[in-house]
PDB file of N, CA and C in Angstrom:
ATOM      1  N   MET A   1       0.855  -0.926   0.127  1.00  0.00           N
ATOM      2  CA  MET A   1       0.082   0.112   0.229  1.00  0.00           C
ATOM      3  C   MET A   1       0.767   1.331  -0.228  1.00  0.00           C
ATOM      4  N   GLN A   2       1.800   1.296   0.760  1.00  0.00           N
ATOM      5  CA  GLN A   2       2.424   2.373   1.104  1.00  0.00           C
ATOM      6  C   GLN A   2       3.491   2.677  -0.622  1.00  0.00           C
ATOM      7  N   MET A   3       3.877   1.446  -1.065  1.00  0.00           N
ATOM      8  CA  MET A   3       4.348   1.489  -2.652  1.00  0.00           C
ATOM      9  C   MET A   3       3.438   2.529  -3.501  1.00  0.00           C
ATOM     10  N   LEU A   4       2.235   1.747  -3.597  1.00  0.00           N
ATOM     11  CA  LEU A   4       1.494   2.540  -4.463  1.00  0.00           C
ATOM     12  C   LEU A   4       1.263   3.880  -4.161  1.00  0.00           C
ATOM     13  N   LEU A   5       1.191   4.357  -3.052  1.00  0.00           N
ATOM     14  CA  LEU A   5       1.066   5.914  -2.245  1.00  0.00           C
ATOM     15  C   LEU A   5       2.231   6.525  -3.069  1.00  0.00           C
ATOM     16  N   ARG A   6       3.232   6.260  -2.673  1.00  0.00           N
ATOM     17  CA  ARG A   6       4.650   6.939  -3.240  1.00  0.00           C
ATOM     18  C   ARG A   6       4.459   6.895  -5.074  1.00  0.00           C
ATOM     19  N   TRP A   7       3.968   5.871  -5.280  1.00  0.00           N
ATOM     20  CA  TRP A   7       4.070   5.848  -6.713  1.00  0.00           C
ATOM     21  C   TRP A   7       3.112   6.904  -7.347  1.00  0.00           C
ATOM     22  N   LEU A   8       1.968   6.975  -6.515  1.00  0.00           N
ATOM     23  CA  LEU A   8       0.690   8.436  -6.780  1.00  0.00           C
ATOM     24  C   LEU A   8       1.356   9.635  -6.542  1.00  0.00           C
ATOM     25  N   LEU A   9       2.653   9.948  -5.733  1.00  0.00           N
ATOM     26  CA  LEU A   9       2.869  11.039  -5.148  1.00  0.00           C
ATOM     27  C   LEU A   9       3.771  11.317  -6.044  1.00  0.00           C
ATOM     28  N   SER A  10       4.517  10.238  -7.075  1.00  0.00           N
ATOM     29  CA  SER A  10       5.303  10.730  -8.033  1.00  0.00           C
ATOM     30  C   SER A  10       4.614  11.154  -9.300  1.00  0.00           C
ATOM     31  N   ALA A  11       3.860  10.405  -9.156  1.00  0.00           N
ATOM     32  CA  ALA A  11       3.301  11.182 -10.386  1.00  0.00           C
ATOM     33  C   ALA A  11       2.439  12.449 -10.174  1.00  0.00           C
ATOM     34  N   VAL A  12       1.915  12.887  -9.015  1.00  0.00           N
ATOM     35  CA  VAL A  12       1.752  14.100  -8.647  1.00  0.00           C
ATOM     36  C   VAL A  12       2.919  15.049  -8.513  1.00  0.00           C
ATOM     37  N   ALA A  13       4.138  14.541  -8.238  1.00  0.00           N
ATOM     38  CA  ALA A  13       5.106  15.346  -8.156  1.00  0.00           C
ATOM     39  C   ALA A  13       5.348  15.779 -10.066  1.00  0.00           C
ATOM     40  N   ILE A  14       5.416  14.431 -10.569  1.00  0.00           N
ATOM     41  CA  ILE A  14       5.650  15.170 -12.390  1.00  0.00           C
ATOM     42  C   ILE A  14       4.189  16.187 -12.555  1.00  0.00           C
ATOM     43  N   ILE A  15       3.473  15.748 -12.160  1.00  0.00           N
ATOM     44  CA  ILE A  15       2.050  17.309 -12.998  1.00  0.00           C
ATOM     45  C   ILE A  15       2.716  18.570 -12.125  1.00  0.00           C
ATOM     46  N   ILE A  16       2.994  18.410 -11.157  1.00  0.00           N
ATOM     47  CA  ILE A  16       3.474  19.796 -10.526  1.00  0.00           C
ATOM     48  C   ILE A  16       4.873  20.286 -11.051  1.00  0.00           C
ATOM     49  N   THR A  17       5.424  19.435 -11.646  1.00  0.00           N
ATOM     50  CA  THR A  17       7.286  19.657 -12.264  1.00  0.00           C
ATOM     51  C   THR A  17       6.496  20.444 -13.771  1.00  0.00           C
ATOM     52  N   ALA A  18       5.830  19.518 -14.046  1.00  0.00           N
ATOM     53  CA  ALA A  18       4.888  19.868 -15.273  1.00  0.00           C
ATOM     54  C   ALA A  18       4.932  21.337 -15.212  1.00  0.00           C
ATOM     55  N   LYS A  19       4.287  22.031 -14.715  1.00  0.00           N
ATOM     56  CA  LYS A  19       3.834  23.248 -14.326  1.00  0.00           C
ATOM     57  C   LYS A  19       4.490  24.076 -14.369  1.00  0.00           C
ATOM     58  N   LEU A  20       5.353  23.731 -13.427  1.00  0.00           N
ATOM     59  CA  LEU A  20       6.412  24.612 -13.000  1.00  0.00           C
ATOM     60  C   LEU A  20       7.096  25.024 -14.397  1.00  0.00           C
ATOM     61  N   ILE A  21       7.710  24.317 -15.011  1.00  0.00           N
ATOM     62  CA  ILE A  21       9.079  24.185 -16.157  1.00  0.00           C
ATOM     63  C   ILE A  21       8.285  24.234 -17.098  1.00  0.00           C
ATOM     64  N   PRO A  22       8.389  25.607 -17.966  1.00  0.00           N
ATOM     65  CA  PRO A  22       7.492  25.923 -19.641  1.00  0.00           C
ATOM     66  C   PRO A  22       8.106  24.940 -20.439  1.00  0.00           C
ATOM     67  N   GLY A  23       8.879  24.202 -20.482  1.00  0.00           N
ATOM     68  CA  GLY A  23      10.103  22.761 -21.766  1.00  0.00           C
ATOM     69  C   GLY A  23       9.118  21.665 -21.344  1.00  0.00           C
ATOM     70  N   ILE A  24       8.644  21.558 -20.707  1.00  0.00           N
ATOM     71  CA  ILE A  24       8.301  19.908 -20.136  1.00  0.00           C
ATOM     72  C   ILE A  24       6.634  19.781 -20.142  1.00  0.00           C
ATOM     73  N   GLN A  25       6.540  18.860 -20.958  1.00  0.00           N
ATOM     74  CA  GLN A  25       4.779  18.536 -21.486  1.00  0.00           C
ATOM     75  C   GLN A  25       4.592  17.258 -20.831  1.00  0.00           C
ATOM     76  N   VAL A  26       3.712  16.908 -20.029  1.00  0.00           N
ATOM     77  CA  VAL A  26       2.767  16.030 -19.559  1.00  0.00           C
ATOM     78  C   VAL A  26       1.420  16.113 -20.329  1.00  0.00           C
ATOM     79  N   ALA A  27       0.870  15.282 -20.834  1.00  0.00           N
ATOM     80  CA  ALA A  27      -0.323  14.954 -21.980  1.00  0.00           C
ATOM     81  C   ALA A  27      -1.538  14.760 -20.525  1.00  0.00           C
ATOM     82  N   SER A  28      -1.182  13.731 -19.648  1.00  0.00           N
ATOM     83  CA  SER A  28      -2.239  13.175 -18.973  1.00  0.00           C
ATOM     84  C   SER A  28      -1.732  12.723 -17.280  1.00  0.00           C
ATOM     85  N   PHE A  29      -2.642  12.611 -16.570  1.00  0.00           N
ATOM     86  CA  PHE A  29      -2.130  12.405 -15.173  1.00  0.00           C
ATOM     87  C   PHE A  29      -2.279  10.550 -15.591  1.00  0.00           C
ATOM     88  N   TRP A  30      -2.461   9.884 -16.725  1.00  0.00           N
ATOM     89  CA  TRP A  30      -1.797   8.423 -16.705  1.00  0.00           C
ATOM     90  C   TRP A  30      -0.617   8.342 -17.516  1.00  0.00           C
ATOM     91  N   THR A  31      -0.334   9.854 -18.324  1.00  0.00           N
ATOM     92  CA  THR A  31       1.085   9.784 -18.078  1.00  0.00           C
ATOM     93  C   THR A  31       2.207   9.826 -17.171  1.00  0.00           C
ATOM     94  N   ALA A  32       1.304  10.869 -16.541  1.00  0.00           N
ATOM     95  CA  ALA A  32       2.421  10.539 -15.057  1.00  0.00           C
ATOM     96  C   ALA A  32       2.675   9.830 -14.768  1.00  0.00           C
ATOM     97  N   ILE A  33       1.356   8.557 -14.201  1.00  0.00           N
ATOM     98  CA  ILE A  33       1.649   7.839 -13.612  1.00  0.00           C
ATOM     99  C   ILE A  33       2.667   6.541 -14.538  1.00  0.00           C
ATOM    100  N   TRP A  34       2.990   6.536 -15.805  1.00  0.00           N
ATOM    101  CA  TRP A  34       3.606   5.666 -16.370  1.00  0.00           C
ATOM    102  C   TRP A  34       5.126   6.233 -16.349  1.00  0.00           C
ATOM    103  N   LEU A  35       5.356   7.671 -16.352  1.00  0.00           N
ATOM    104  CA  LEU A  35       6.084   7.957 -16.391  1.00  0.00           C
ATOM    105  C   LEU A  35       7.000   7.755 -15.115  1.00  0.00           C
ATOM    106  N   ALA A  36       6.376   7.947 -13.637  1.00  0.00           N
ATOM    107  CA  ALA A  36       6.692   7.552 -12.347  1.00  0.00           C
ATOM    108  C   ALA A  36       7.216   6.622 -12.609  1.00  0.00           C
ATOM    109  N   LEU A  37       6.839   5.502 -12.732  1.00  0.00           N
ATOM    110  CA  LEU A  37       6.930   3.989 -12.802  1.00  0.00           C
ATOM    111  C   LEU A  37       8.073   3.822 -13.421  1.00  0.00           C
ATOM    112  N   LEU A  38       8.327   4.247 -15.066  1.00  0.00           N
ATOM    113  CA  LEU A  38       9.537   4.441 -15.251  1.00  0.00           C
ATOM    114  C   LEU A  38      11.106   4.683 -14.869  1.00  0.00           C
ATOM    115  N   LEU A  39      10.775   6.196 -14.569  1.00  0.00           N
ATOM    116  CA  LEU A  39      11.294   6.852 -13.590  1.00  0.00           C
ATOM    117  C   LEU A  39      11.899   5.940 -12.584  1.00  0.00           C
ATOM    118  N   GLY A  40      11.305   5.497 -11.963  1.00  0.00           N
ATOM    119  CA  GLY A  40      11.643   4.527 -10.834  1.00  0.00           C
ATOM    120  C   GLY A  40      12.132   3.172 -10.769  1.00  0.00           C
ATOM    121  N   LEU A  41      12.200   2.755 -12.343  1.00  0.00           N
ATOM    122  CA  LEU A  41      12.623   1.470 -12.806  1.00  0.00           C
ATOM    123  C   LEU A  41      14.144   2.056 -12.875  1.00  0.00           C
ATOM    124  N   ILE A  42      14.492   2.834 -14.400  1.00  0.00           N
ATOM    125  CA  ILE A  42      15.297   3.923 -14.630  1.00  0.00           C
ATOM    126  C   ILE A  42      16.293   3.771 -13.337  1.00  0.00           C
ATOM    127  N   ASN A  43      15.955   5.169 -11.917  1.00  0.00           N
ATOM    128  CA  ASN A  43      16.472   4.918 -11.032  1.00  0.00           C
ATOM    129  C   ASN A  43      17.098   3.906 -10.323  1.00  0.00           C
ATOM    130  N   ALA A  44      16.003   2.392 -10.298  1.00  0.00           N
ATOM    131  CA  ALA A  44      16.812   1.582  -9.399  1.00  0.00           C
ATOM    132  C   ALA A  44      17.628   0.738 -10.349  1.00  0.00           C
ATOM    133  N   VAL A  45      17.450   0.545 -11.915  1.00  0.00           N
ATOM    134  CA  VAL A  45      18.367  -0.339 -12.292  1.00  0.00           C
ATOM    135  C   VAL A  45      19.532   0.596 -13.013  1.00  0.00           C
ATOM    136  N   ILE A  46      19.290   1.825 -14.059  1.00  0.00           N
ATOM    137  CA  ILE A  46      20.312   1.873 -14.817  1.00  0.00           C
ATOM    138  C   ILE A  46      20.848   2.968 -14.323  1.00  0.00           C
ATOM    139  N   ARG A  47      20.635   3.940 -13.400  1.00  0.00           N
ATOM    140  CA  ARG A  47      21.349   4.676 -12.791  1.00  0.00           C
ATOM    141  C   ARG A  47      22.278   4.509 -12.048  1.00  0.00           C
ATOM    142  N   PRO A  48      22.875   3.538 -10.938  1.00  0.00           N
ATOM    143  CA  PRO A  48      23.632   3.139 -10.160  1.00  0.00           C
ATOM    144  C   PRO A  48      24.952   2.692 -11.177  1.00  0.00           C
ATOM    145  N   ILE A  49      24.203   1.768 -12.065  1.00  0.00           N
ATOM    146  CA  ILE A  49      25.429   1.724 -13.471  1.00  0.00           C
ATOM    147  C   ILE A  49      26.423   2.607 -13.641  1.00  0.00           C
ATOM    148  N   LEU A  50      25.489   3.553 -14.388  1.00  0.00           N
ATOM    149  CA  LEU A  50      25.768   4.610 -14.948  1.00  0.00           C
ATOM    150  C   LEU A  50      26.859   5.561 -13.581  1.00  0.00           C
ATOM    151  N   VAL A  51      26.390   5.977 -12.597  1.00  0.00           N
ATOM    152  CA  VAL A  51      27.052   5.863 -11.369  1.00  0.00           C
ATOM    153  C   VAL A  51      28.369   5.528 -10.985  1.00  0.00           C
ATOM    154  N   LEU A  52      28.225   4.394 -11.398  1.00  0.00           N
ATOM    155  CA  LEU A  52      29.259   3.666 -11.413  1.00  0.00           C
ATOM    156  C   LEU A  52      30.401   3.272 -12.407  1.00  0.00           C
ATOM    157  N   VAL A  53      30.038   3.562 -13.784  1.00  0.00           N
ATOM    158  CA  VAL A  53      30.651   3.500 -14.617  1.00  0.00           C
ATOM    159  C   VAL A  53      31.270   5.149 -14.850  1.00  0.00           C
ATOM    160  N   THR A  54      30.667   6.304 -14.398  1.00  0.00           N
ATOM    161  CA  THR A  54      31.233   7.216 -14.260  1.00  0.00           C
ATOM    162  C   THR A  54      31.778   8.251 -13.090  1.00  0.00           C
ATOM    163  N   LEU A  55      32.386   6.850 -12.098  1.00  0.00           N
ATOM    164  CA  LEU A  55      32.566   7.314 -11.224  1.00  0.00           C
ATOM    165  C   LEU A  55      33.963   8.223 -10.791  1.00  0.00           C
ATOM    166  N   PRO A  56      35.194   8.319 -11.628  1.00  0.00           N
ATOM    167  CA  PRO A  56      36.184   9.406 -12.131  1.00  0.00           C
ATOM    168  C   PRO A  56      35.938  10.700 -12.564  1.00  0.00           C
ATOM    169  N   ILE A  57      34.577  10.660 -13.590  1.00  0.00           N
ATOM    170  CA  ILE A  57      34.131  11.847 -13.718  1.00  0.00           C
ATOM    171  C   ILE A  57      33.606  12.595 -12.869  1.00  0.00           C
ATOM    172  N   ASN A  58      32.618  11.924 -11.732  1.00  0.00           N
ATOM    173  CA  ASN A  58      31.637  12.472 -10.721  1.00  0.00           C
ATOM    174  C   ASN A  58      32.844  12.862  -9.777  1.00  0.00           C
ATOM    175  N   ILE A  59      33.698  12.108  -9.493  1.00  0.00           N
ATOM    176  CA  ILE A  59      35.176  12.626  -8.694  1.00  0.00           C
ATOM    177  C   ILE A  59      35.681  14.010  -8.931  1.00  0.00           C
ATOM    178  N   LEU A  60      36.201  14.055 -10.424  1.00  0.00           N
ATOM    179  CA  LEU A  60      36.850  14.992 -10.756  1.00  0.00           C
ATOM    180  C   LEU A  60      35.723  16.590 -10.520  1.00  0.00           C
ATOM    181  N   THR A  61      34.172  16.275 -10.686  1.00  0.00           N
ATOM    182  CA  THR A  61      33.614  16.993 -10.477  1.00  0.00           C
ATOM    183  C   THR A  61      32.624  17.676  -9.405  1.00  0.00           C
ATOM    184  N   LEU A  62      33.350  16.831  -8.545  1.00  0.00           N
ATOM    185  CA  LEU A  62      32.491  16.725  -7.432  1.00  0.00           C
ATOM    186  C   LEU A  62      31.189  16.184  -6.614  1.00  0.00           C
ATOM    187  N   GLY A  63      31.037  15.779  -7.731  1.00  0.00           N
ATOM    188  CA  GLY A  63      29.243  15.013  -7.635  1.00  0.00           C
ATOM    189  C   GLY A  63      28.419  15.650  -8.951  1.00  0.00           C
ATOM    190  N   LEU A  64      28.862  16.996  -9.481  1.00  0.00           N
ATOM    191  CA  LEU A  64      28.051  17.669 -10.130  1.00  0.00           C
ATOM    192  C   LEU A  64      27.538  17.079 -11.594  1.00  0.00           C
ATOM    193  N   PHE A  65      28.403  15.890 -11.664  1.00  0.00           N
ATOM    194  CA  PHE A  65      27.931  14.885 -13.232  1.00  0.00           C
ATOM    195  C   PHE A  65      26.944  14.050 -12.931  1.00  0.00           C
ATOM    196  N   THR A  66      26.546  14.319 -11.718  1.00  0.00           N
ATOM    197  CA  THR A  66      25.260  13.143 -11.316  1.00  0.00           C
ATOM    198  C   THR A  66      23.801  14.023 -12.186  1.00  0.00           C
ATOM    199  N   PHE A  67      23.763  15.279 -11.866  1.00  0.00           N
ATOM    200  CA  PHE A  67      22.476  16.223 -12.521  1.00  0.00           C
ATOM    201  C   PHE A  67      23.296  16.088 -13.839  1.00  0.00           C
ATOM    202  N   VAL A  68      24.321  15.541 -14.969  1.00  0.00           N
ATOM    203  CA  VAL A  68      24.225  15.916 -16.251  1.00  0.00           C
ATOM    204  C   VAL A  68      23.328  13.708 -16.550  1.00  0.00           C
ATOM    205  N   ILE A  69      24.031  13.118 -15.396  1.00  0.00           N
ATOM    206  CA  ILE A  69      23.274  11.664 -15.415  1.00  0.00           C
ATOM    207  C   ILE A  69      21.793  11.931 -15.545  1.00  0.00           C
ATOM    208  N   ASN A  70      21.075  12.379 -14.358  1.00  0.00           N
ATOM    209  CA  ASN A  70      20.068  12.829 -14.267  1.00  0.00           C
ATOM    210  C   ASN A  70      19.269  13.025 -15.389  1.00  0.00           C
ATOM    211  N   GLY A  71      19.826  14.132 -16.032  1.00  0.00           N
ATOM    212  CA  GLY A  71      19.335  14.650 -16.979  1.00  0.00           C
ATOM    213  C   GLY A  71      19.097  13.692 -18.373  1.00  0.00           C
ATOM    214  N   LEU A  72      20.009  13.404 -18.325  1.00  0.00           N
ATOM    215  CA  LEU A  72      20.295  12.078 -20.097  1.00  0.00           C
ATOM    216  C   LEU A  72      18.979  11.153 -19.359  1.00  0.00           C
ATOM    217  N   LEU A  73      18.894  10.260 -18.022  1.00  0.00           N
ATOM    218  CA  LEU A  73      17.792   9.570 -18.289  1.00  0.00           C
ATOM    219  C   LEU A  73      16.357  10.158 -18.487  1.00  0.00           C
ATOM    220  N   VAL A  74      15.983  11.422 -17.687  1.00  0.00           N
ATOM    221  CA  VAL A  74      14.844  12.115 -17.918  1.00  0.00           C
ATOM    222  C   VAL A  74      14.885  11.991 -19.459  1.00  0.00           C
ATOM    223  N   MET A  75      15.483  12.330 -19.710  1.00  0.00           N
ATOM    224  CA  MET A  75      15.501  12.547 -21.836  1.00  0.00           C
ATOM    225  C   MET A  75      15.499  10.887 -22.444  1.00  0.00           C
ATOM    226  N   PHE A  76      15.845  10.197 -21.685  1.00  0.00           N
ATOM    227  CA  PHE A  76      15.581   8.945 -22.267  1.00  0.00           C
ATOM    228  C   PHE A  76      14.180   8.637 -21.858  1.00  0.00           C
ATOM    229  N   ALA A  77      13.732   8.775 -20.827  1.00  0.00           N
ATOM    230  CA  ALA A  77      12.401   8.329 -20.196  1.00  0.00           C
ATOM    231  C   ALA A  77      11.672   9.235 -21.479  1.00  0.00           C
ATOM    232  N   SER A  78      11.868  10.379 -21.988  1.00  0.00           N
ATOM    233  CA  SER A  78      10.753  11.140 -22.139  1.00  0.00           C
ATOM    234  C   SER A  78      10.887  11.073 -24.241  1.00  0.00           C
ATOM    235  N   SER A  79      11.932   9.793 -24.518  1.00  0.00           N
ATOM    236  CA  SER A  79      11.659   9.075 -25.538  1.00  0.00           C
ATOM    237  C   SER A  79      11.336   7.973 -25.707  1.00  0.00           C
ATOM    238  N   ILE A  80      10.819   7.228 -24.941  1.00  0.00           N
ATOM    239  CA  ILE A  80      10.375   5.825 -24.194  1.00  0.00           C
ATOM    240  C   ILE A  80       8.229   6.115 -24.293  1.00  0.00           C
ATOM    241  N   ILE A  81       8.462   7.283 -23.408  1.00  0.00           N
ATOM    242  CA  ILE A  81       6.661   7.308 -22.778  1.00  0.00           C
ATOM    243  C   ILE A  81       6.012   8.500 -23.915  1.00  0.00           C
ATOM    244  N   LYS A  82       5.460   7.892 -24.286  1.00  0.00           N
ATOM    245  CA  LYS A  82       4.397   8.801 -25.442  1.00  0.00           C
ATOM    246  C   LYS A  82       3.531  10.157 -24.689  1.00  0.00           C
ATOM    247  N   GLY A  83       3.580  11.252 -24.921  1.00  0.00           N
ATOM    248  CA  GLY A  83       2.966  12.145 -24.028  1.00  0.00           C
ATOM    249  C   GLY A  83       3.872  12.712 -23.083  1.00  0.00           C
ATOM    250  N   PHE A  84       5.272  12.402 -22.918  1.00  0.00           N
ATOM    251  CA  PHE A  84       5.744  13.317 -22.309  1.00  0.00           C
ATOM    252  C   PHE A  84       6.952  13.724 -23.007  1.00  0.00           C
ATOM    253  N   GLY A  85       6.798  14.957 -22.791  1.00  0.00           N
ATOM    254  CA  GLY A  85       7.991  15.529 -23.923  1.00  0.00           C
ATOM    255  C   GLY A  85       8.381  16.891 -23.384  1.00  0.00           C
ATOM    256  N   VAL A  86      10.235  16.965 -23.828  1.00  0.00           N
ATOM    257  CA  VAL A  86      11.045  17.587 -22.796  1.00  0.00           C
ATOM    258  C   VAL A  86      11.622  18.320 -24.163  1.00  0.00           C
ATOM    259  N   GLY A  87      12.356  19.916 -23.548  1.00  0.00           N
ATOM    260  CA  GLY A  87      12.085  20.677 -24.399  1.00  0.00           C
ATOM    261  C   GLY A  87      13.692  20.687 -24.396  1.00  0.00           C
ATOM    262  N   GLY A  88      14.730  19.980 -24.022  1.00  0.00           N
ATOM    263  CA  GLY A  88      15.883  20.071 -24.445  1.00  0.00           C
ATOM    264  C   GLY A  88      16.996  20.086 -22.922  1.00  0.00           C
ATOM    265  N   PHE A  89      18.004  19.611 -23.203  1.00  0.00           N
ATOM    266  CA  PHE A  89      18.663  18.925 -21.923  1.00  0.00           C
ATOM    267  C   PHE A  89      18.474  19.789 -20.675  1.00  0.00           C
ATOM    268  N   LEU A  90      18.854  21.160 -20.895  1.00  0.00           N
ATOM    269  CA  LEU A  90      19.010  22.026 -19.363  1.00  0.00           C
ATOM    270  C   LEU A  90      17.702  21.609 -18.365  1.00  0.00           C
ATOM    271  N   ASN A  91      15.902  21.565 -19.714  1.00  0.00           N
ATOM    272  CA  ASN A  91      14.867  21.559 -19.120  1.00  0.00           C
ATOM    273  C   ASN A  91      14.643  20.003 -18.397  1.00  0.00           C
ATOM    274  N   ALA A  92      15.466  19.003 -18.943  1.00  0.00           N
ATOM    275  CA  ALA A  92      15.579  17.723 -18.317  1.00  0.00           C
ATOM    276  C   ALA A  92      16.691  17.703 -17.297  1.00  0.00           C
ATOM    277  N   VAL A  93      17.881  18.143 -17.107  1.00  0.00           N
ATOM    278  CA  VAL A  93      18.083  18.590 -15.552  1.00  0.00           C
ATOM    279  C   VAL A  93      17.433  19.102 -14.850  1.00  0.00           C
ATOM    280  N   LEU A  94      16.657  20.565 -15.169  1.00  0.00           N
ATOM    281  CA  LEU A  94      15.852  21.262 -13.929  1.00  0.00           C
ATOM    282  C   LEU A  94      14.501  20.320 -14.017  1.00  0.00           C
ATOM    283  N   PHE A  95      14.376  19.369 -14.633  1.00  0.00           N
ATOM    284  CA  PHE A  95      13.065  18.493 -14.467  1.00  0.00           C
ATOM    285  C   PHE A  95      13.483  17.433 -13.271  1.00  0.00           C
ATOM    286  N   SER A  96      14.755  17.113 -13.749  1.00  0.00           N
ATOM    287  CA  SER A  96      15.424  16.125 -12.578  1.00  0.00           C
ATOM    288  C   SER A  96      15.157  16.821 -10.949  1.00  0.00           C
ATOM    289  N   ILE A  97      15.803  17.986 -11.221  1.00  0.00           N
ATOM    290  CA  ILE A  97      16.225  18.986  -9.955  1.00  0.00           C
ATOM    291  C   ILE A  97      14.621  19.112  -9.030  1.00  0.00           C
ATOM    292  N   VAL A  98      14.069  19.712  -9.609  1.00  0.00           N
ATOM    293  CA  VAL A  98      12.803  20.538  -9.026  1.00  0.00           C
ATOM    294  C   VAL A  98      11.730  18.986  -8.677  1.00  0.00           C
ATOM    295  N   PHE A  99      11.712  17.857  -9.633  1.00  0.00           N
ATOM    296  CA  PHE A  99      10.699  16.615  -9.126  1.00  0.00           C
ATOM    297  C   PHE A  99      11.290  15.912  -8.084  1.00  0.00           C
ATOM    298  N   SER A 100      12.830  16.209  -7.742  1.00  0.00           N
ATOM    299  CA  SER A 100      13.308  16.208  -6.676  1.00  0.00           C
ATOM    300  C   SER A 100      12.763  16.249  -5.529  1.00  0.00           C
ATOM    301  N   VAL A 101      13.058  17.733  -5.527  1.00  0.00           N
ATOM    302  CA  VAL A 101      12.376  18.187  -4.260  1.00  0.00           C
ATOM    303  C   VAL A 101      10.769  18.443  -4.020  1.00  0.00           C
ATOM    304  N   ILE A 102      10.465  18.065  -5.277  1.00  0.00           N
ATOM    305  CA  ILE A 102       8.963  17.940  -4.925  1.00  0.00           C
ATOM    306  C   ILE A 102       8.587  16.889  -4.243  1.00  0.00           C
ATOM    307  N   SER A 103       9.106  15.823  -4.494  1.00  0.00           N
ATOM    308  CA  SER A 103       8.749  14.483  -4.484  1.00  0.00           C
ATOM    309  C   SER A 103       9.354  14.602  -3.030  1.00  0.00           C
ATOM    310  N   TYR A 104      10.301  15.086  -2.575  1.00  0.00           N
ATOM    311  CA  TYR A 104      10.583  14.948  -1.457  1.00  0.00           C
ATOM    312  C   TYR A 104       9.845  15.637  -0.217  1.00  0.00           C
ATOM    313  N   LEU A 105       9.458  16.909  -0.745  1.00  0.00           N
ATOM    314  CA  LEU A 105       8.237  17.240  -0.251  1.00  0.00           C
ATOM    315  C   LEU A 105       7.299  16.508   0.094  1.00  0.00           C
ATOM    316  N   LEU A 106       6.693  16.096  -0.654  1.00  0.00           N
ATOM    317  CA  LEU A 106       5.326  15.134  -0.459  1.00  0.00           C
ATOM    318  C   LEU A 106       5.723  14.106   0.047  1.00  0.00           C
ATOM    319  N   ASN A 107       6.683  13.340   0.143  1.00  0.00           N
ATOM    320  CA  ASN A 107       6.984  12.189   1.006  1.00  0.00           C
ATOM    321  C   ASN A 107       7.190  12.399   2.449  1.00  0.00           C
ATOM    322  N   LYS A 108       7.579  13.741   2.345  1.00  0.00           N
ATOM    323  CA  LYS A 108       7.644  14.370   3.640  1.00  0.00           C
ATOM    324  C   LYS A 108       6.204  14.426   4.654  1.00  0.00           C
ATOM    325  N   PHE A 109       5.736  15.467   3.510  1.00  0.00           N
ATOM    326  CA  PHE A 109       3.867  15.193   3.844  1.00  0.00           C
ATOM    327  C   PHE A 109       3.347  14.497   4.344  1.00  0.00           C
ATOM    328  N   LEU A 110       3.836  13.137   3.561  1.00  0.00           N
ATOM    329  CA  LEU A 110       3.020  11.789   3.501  1.00  0.00           C
ATOM    330  C   LEU A 110       3.326  11.494   5.154  1.00  0.00           C
ATOM    331  N   ASN A 111       4.539  11.383   5.701  1.00  0.00           N
ATOM    332  CA  ASN A 111       4.794  10.855   7.045  1.00  0.00           C
ATOM    333  C   ASN A 111       4.287  11.885   8.029  1.00  0.00           C
TER     334      ASN A 111
END
């Protein structure tokens, strides 16, 4: 039950983030639900591998390269999910930052 609620909160955070950032388009709430599922899977499977592979670059940039990885993963998700559009790489990075903050705040509100 808790996992389902967090999934729905992630979808709400996606909708809110899309309203705040002009270059992001989300067609419907169902699109946001599928995007939340895909981003969760990407963050659980692909992101740790990419962080490990790019560890030397991450160390040199003091962890700032992680923003690049997050932006690339959001752009990857936008190529898979129909109805989710990203206006460019900087919008994808901004989306990942704002989405993380809003998702954190919503989950804190839940607890």
